[in-house]
Amino acid sequence: MALVVVLSHERVGTGTGEMLTMSESKINDAAAAAAFHRLVRHLQHRTDAQNVDLMGLAGFCRNCLADWLAEADGAMSKDEAREAIYGMPYAEWKKAHQSEATPAQLAKMEESVAKNRASD
């Protein structure tokens, strides 16, 4: 399966100025693809890093990466993208590695996701 990186040509407004998008940055496509592959391998290895904690800290998780991958590919289904990101079917990963989220984790995730909406 090939990874296709689609780069935006839009500037992203941050409210305090504008941030360069990938297409305007100094990161070339090959380096971006290699870094993405390394991130995926890292997340596949670090099954202790729960999606709810990733969402609470950074506002994205493995499911977000899978959604972005499916969107960029155009032909890949959501399930195929999740399997590519998780390294196994999502239901299998969830059963083996996902723990029940605590109220504190959920609250932190909601606060973080609200920051995402503010930058959309």
C-alpha atoms as a PDB file:
ATOM      1  CA  MET A   1       0.000   0.000   0.000  1.00  0.00           C
ATOM      2  CA  ALA A   2       1.474   3.345  -1.000  1.00  0.00           C
ATOM      3  CA  LEU A   3       1.152   6.431   1.143  1.00  0.00           C
ATOM      4  CA  VAL A   4      -0.017   9.491  -0.725  1.00  0.00           C
ATOM      5  CA  VAL A   5       0.602  12.828   0.938  1.00  0.00           C
ATOM      6  CA  VAL A   6      -1.727  15.591  -0.207  1.00  0.00           C
ATOM      7  CA  LEU A   7      -0.541  19.044   0.673  1.00  0.00           C
ATOM      8  CA  SER A   8      -2.853  22.007   1.004  1.00  0.00           C
ATOM      9  CA  HIS A   9      -2.295  25.281  -0.781  1.00  0.00           C
ATOM     10  CA  GLU A  10      -4.251  27.278   1.774  1.00  0.00           C
ATOM     11  CA  ARG A  11      -2.921  29.407   4.578  1.00  0.00           C
ATOM     12  CA  VAL A  12      -4.221  28.480   8.000  1.00  0.00           C
ATOM     13  CA  GLY A  13      -5.483  31.353  10.133  1.00  0.00           C
ATOM     14  CA  THR A  14      -4.496  31.064  13.775  1.00  0.00           C
ATOM     15  CA  GLY A  15      -6.223  34.108  15.150  1.00  0.00           C
ATOM     16  CA  THR A  16      -2.840  35.664  16.002  1.00  0.00           C
ATOM     17  CA  GLY A  17      -1.413  35.593  12.495  1.00  0.00           C
ATOM     18  CA  GLU A  18      -1.092  33.025   9.783  1.00  0.00           C
ATOM     19  CA  MET A  19       0.683  29.708   9.927  1.00  0.00           C
ATOM     20  CA  LEU A  20       2.393  28.196   6.897  1.00  0.00           C
ATOM     21  CA  THR A  21       0.802  25.052   5.518  1.00  0.00           C
ATOM     22  CA  MET A  22       2.837  22.033   4.466  1.00  0.00           C
ATOM     23  CA  SER A  23       2.956  23.255   0.864  1.00  0.00           C
ATOM     24  CA  GLU A  24       4.526  26.538   1.960  1.00  0.00           C
ATOM     25  CA  SER A  25       6.927  25.054   4.486  1.00  0.00           C
ATOM     26  CA  LYS A  26      10.446  23.910   3.866  1.00  0.00           C
ATOM     27  CA  ILE A  27       9.476  20.227   4.360  1.00  0.00           C
ATOM     28  CA  ASN A  28       9.698  18.323   1.085  1.00  0.00           C
ATOM     29  CA  ASP A  29       7.195  15.591   0.235  1.00  0.00           C
ATOM     30  CA  ALA A  30       9.676  12.727   0.718  1.00  0.00           C
ATOM     31  CA  ALA A  31      10.673  13.960   4.168  1.00  0.00           C
ATOM     32  CA  ALA A  32       7.018  14.501   5.125  1.00  0.00           C
ATOM     33  CA  ALA A  33       6.126  10.965   4.010  1.00  0.00           C
ATOM     34  CA  ALA A  34       9.087   9.467   5.886  1.00  0.00           C
ATOM     35  CA  ALA A  35       8.177  11.363   9.057  1.00  0.00           C
ATOM     36  CA  PHE A  36       4.542  10.249   8.735  1.00  0.00           C
ATOM     37  CA  HIS A  37       5.622   6.598   8.358  1.00  0.00           C
ATOM     38  CA  ARG A  38       7.834   6.945  11.429  1.00  0.00           C
ATOM     39  CA  LEU A  39       4.971   8.480  13.422  1.00  0.00           C
ATOM     40  CA  VAL A  40       2.700   5.582  12.421  1.00  0.00           C
ATOM     41  CA  ARG A  41       5.336   2.998  13.447  1.00  0.00           C
ATOM     42  CA  HIS A  42       5.856   4.839  16.722  1.00  0.00           C
ATOM     43  CA  LEU A  43       2.131   4.852  17.519  1.00  0.00           C
ATOM     44  CA  GLN A  44       1.868   1.169  16.573  1.00  0.00           C
ATOM     45  CA  HIS A  45       4.668   0.431  19.044  1.00  0.00           C
ATOM     46  CA  ARG A  46       3.344   2.693  21.811  1.00  0.00           C
ATOM     47  CA  THR A  47       0.041   0.955  22.426  1.00  0.00           C
ATOM     48  CA  ASP A  48       0.184   2.358  25.971  1.00  0.00           C
ATOM     49  CA  ALA A  49      -0.474   5.826  24.538  1.00  0.00           C
ATOM     50  CA  GLN A  50      -4.259   5.880  24.663  1.00  0.00           C
ATOM     51  CA  ASN A  51      -6.196   7.738  21.971  1.00  0.00           C
ATOM     52  CA  VAL A  52      -8.116   9.694  24.625  1.00  0.00           C
ATOM     53  CA  ASP A  53      -4.796  10.942  26.044  1.00  0.00           C
ATOM     54  CA  LEU A  54      -3.507  11.880  22.580  1.00  0.00           C
ATOM     55  CA  MET A  55      -6.747  13.794  21.994  1.00  0.00           C
ATOM     56  CA  GLY A  56      -6.474  15.479  25.388  1.00  0.00           C
ATOM     57  CA  LEU A  57      -2.928  16.621  24.786  1.00  0.00           C
ATOM     58  CA  ALA A  58      -2.729  17.296  21.051  1.00  0.00           C
ATOM     59  CA  GLY A  59      -6.294  17.248  19.760  1.00  0.00           C
ATOM     60  CA  PHE A  60      -5.737  14.289  17.423  1.00  0.00           C
ATOM     61  CA  CYS A  61      -5.339  10.537  17.711  1.00  0.00           C
ATOM     62  CA  ARG A  62      -4.819   7.420  15.614  1.00  0.00           C
ATOM     63  CA  ASN A  63      -8.407   7.644  14.329  1.00  0.00           C
ATOM     64  CA  CYS A  64      -7.780  11.213  13.159  1.00  0.00           C
ATOM     65  CA  LEU A  65      -4.649  10.083  11.302  1.00  0.00           C
ATOM     66  CA  ALA A  66      -6.659   7.291   9.681  1.00  0.00           C
ATOM     67  CA  ASP A  67      -9.391   9.733   8.644  1.00  0.00           C
ATOM     68  CA  TRP A  68      -6.802  12.101   7.153  1.00  0.00           C
ATOM     69  CA  LEU A  69      -5.140   9.204   5.342  1.00  0.00           C
ATOM     70  CA  ALA A  70      -8.420   7.967   3.860  1.00  0.00           C
ATOM     71  CA  GLU A  71      -9.317  11.520   2.817  1.00  0.00           C
ATOM     72  CA  ALA A  72      -5.921  12.094   1.184  1.00  0.00           C
ATOM     73  CA  ASP A  73      -6.005   8.731  -0.597  1.00  0.00           C
ATOM     74  CA  GLY A  74      -9.526   9.133  -1.933  1.00  0.00           C
ATOM     75  CA  ALA A  75      -9.999   5.415  -2.624  1.00  0.00           C
ATOM     76  CA  MET A  76      -9.157   3.977   0.798  1.00  0.00           C
ATOM     77  CA  SER A  77     -12.050   3.166   3.117  1.00  0.00           C
ATOM     78  CA  LYS A  78     -12.097   4.314   6.733  1.00  0.00           C
ATOM     79  CA  ASP A  79     -11.567   0.704   7.880  1.00  0.00           C
ATOM     80  CA  GLU A  80      -8.614   0.235   5.513  1.00  0.00           C
ATOM     81  CA  ALA A  81      -7.053   3.455   6.738  1.00  0.00           C
ATOM     82  CA  ARG A  82      -7.511   2.472  10.376  1.00  0.00           C
ATOM     83  CA  GLU A  83      -5.890  -0.897   9.722  1.00  0.00           C
ATOM     84  CA  ALA A  84      -2.958   0.899   8.053  1.00  0.00           C
ATOM     85  CA  ILE A  85      -2.539   3.212  11.060  1.00  0.00           C
ATOM     86  CA  TYR A  86      -3.132   0.633  13.801  1.00  0.00           C
ATOM     87  CA  GLY A  87      -1.241  -2.182  12.057  1.00  0.00           C
ATOM     88  CA  MET A  88      -4.227  -4.476  12.599  1.00  0.00           C
ATOM     89  CA  PRO A  89      -8.011  -4.260  12.375  1.00  0.00           C
ATOM     90  CA  TYR A  90      -9.285  -1.481  14.640  1.00  0.00           C
ATOM     91  CA  ALA A  91     -11.624  -3.771  16.612  1.00  0.00           C
ATOM     92  CA  GLU A  92      -8.710  -6.091  17.378  1.00  0.00           C
ATOM     93  CA  TRP A  93      -6.473  -3.211  18.526  1.00  0.00           C
ATOM     94  CA  LYS A  94      -9.267  -1.741  20.631  1.00  0.00           C
ATOM     95  CA  LYS A  95      -9.916  -5.066  22.360  1.00  0.00           C
ATOM     96  CA  ALA A  96      -6.238  -5.675  23.052  1.00  0.00           C
ATOM     97  CA  HIS A  97      -5.043  -2.177  23.972  1.00  0.00           C
ATOM     98  CA  GLN A  98      -7.794   0.347  24.725  1.00  0.00           C
ATOM     99  CA  SER A  99      -8.735   0.933  28.336  1.00  0.00           C
ATOM    100  CA  GLU A 100     -11.854   2.622  29.678  1.00  0.00           C
ATOM    101  CA  ALA A 101     -11.513   6.401  29.633  1.00  0.00           C
ATOM    102  CA  THR A 102     -11.770   8.179  32.969  1.00  0.00           C
ATOM    103  CA  PRO A 103     -13.962  11.244  33.475  1.00  0.00           C
ATOM    104  CA  ALA A 104     -10.782  13.354  33.781  1.00  0.00           C
ATOM    105  CA  GLN A 105      -9.434  12.050  30.457  1.00  0.00           C
ATOM    106  CA  LEU A 106     -12.746  12.751  28.735  1.00  0.00           C
ATOM    107  CA  ALA A 107     -12.904  16.280  30.162  1.00  0.00           C
ATOM    108  CA  LYS A 108      -9.345  17.037  29.015  1.00  0.00           C
ATOM    109  CA  MET A 109     -10.171  15.637  25.559  1.00  0.00           C
ATOM    110  CA  GLU A 110     -13.264  17.861  25.266  1.00  0.00           C
ATOM    111  CA  GLU A 111     -11.236  20.935  26.244  1.00  0.00           C
ATOM    112  CA  SER A 112      -8.585  20.068  23.663  1.00  0.00           C
ATOM    113  CA  VAL A 113     -11.087  19.338  20.880  1.00  0.00           C
ATOM    114  CA  ALA A 114     -12.669  22.753  21.524  1.00  0.00           C
ATOM    115  CA  LYS A 115      -9.289  24.304  20.665  1.00  0.00           C
ATOM    116  CA  ASN A 116      -9.406  22.467  17.317  1.00  0.00           C
ATOM    117  CA  ARG A 117     -12.794  23.999  16.537  1.00  0.00           C
ATOM    118  CA  ALA A 118     -11.437  27.456  17.353  1.00  0.00           C
ATOM    119  CA  SER A 119      -8.768  27.081  14.639  1.00  0.00           C
ATOM    120  CA  ASP A 120     -11.026  25.633  11.922  1.00  0.00           C
END
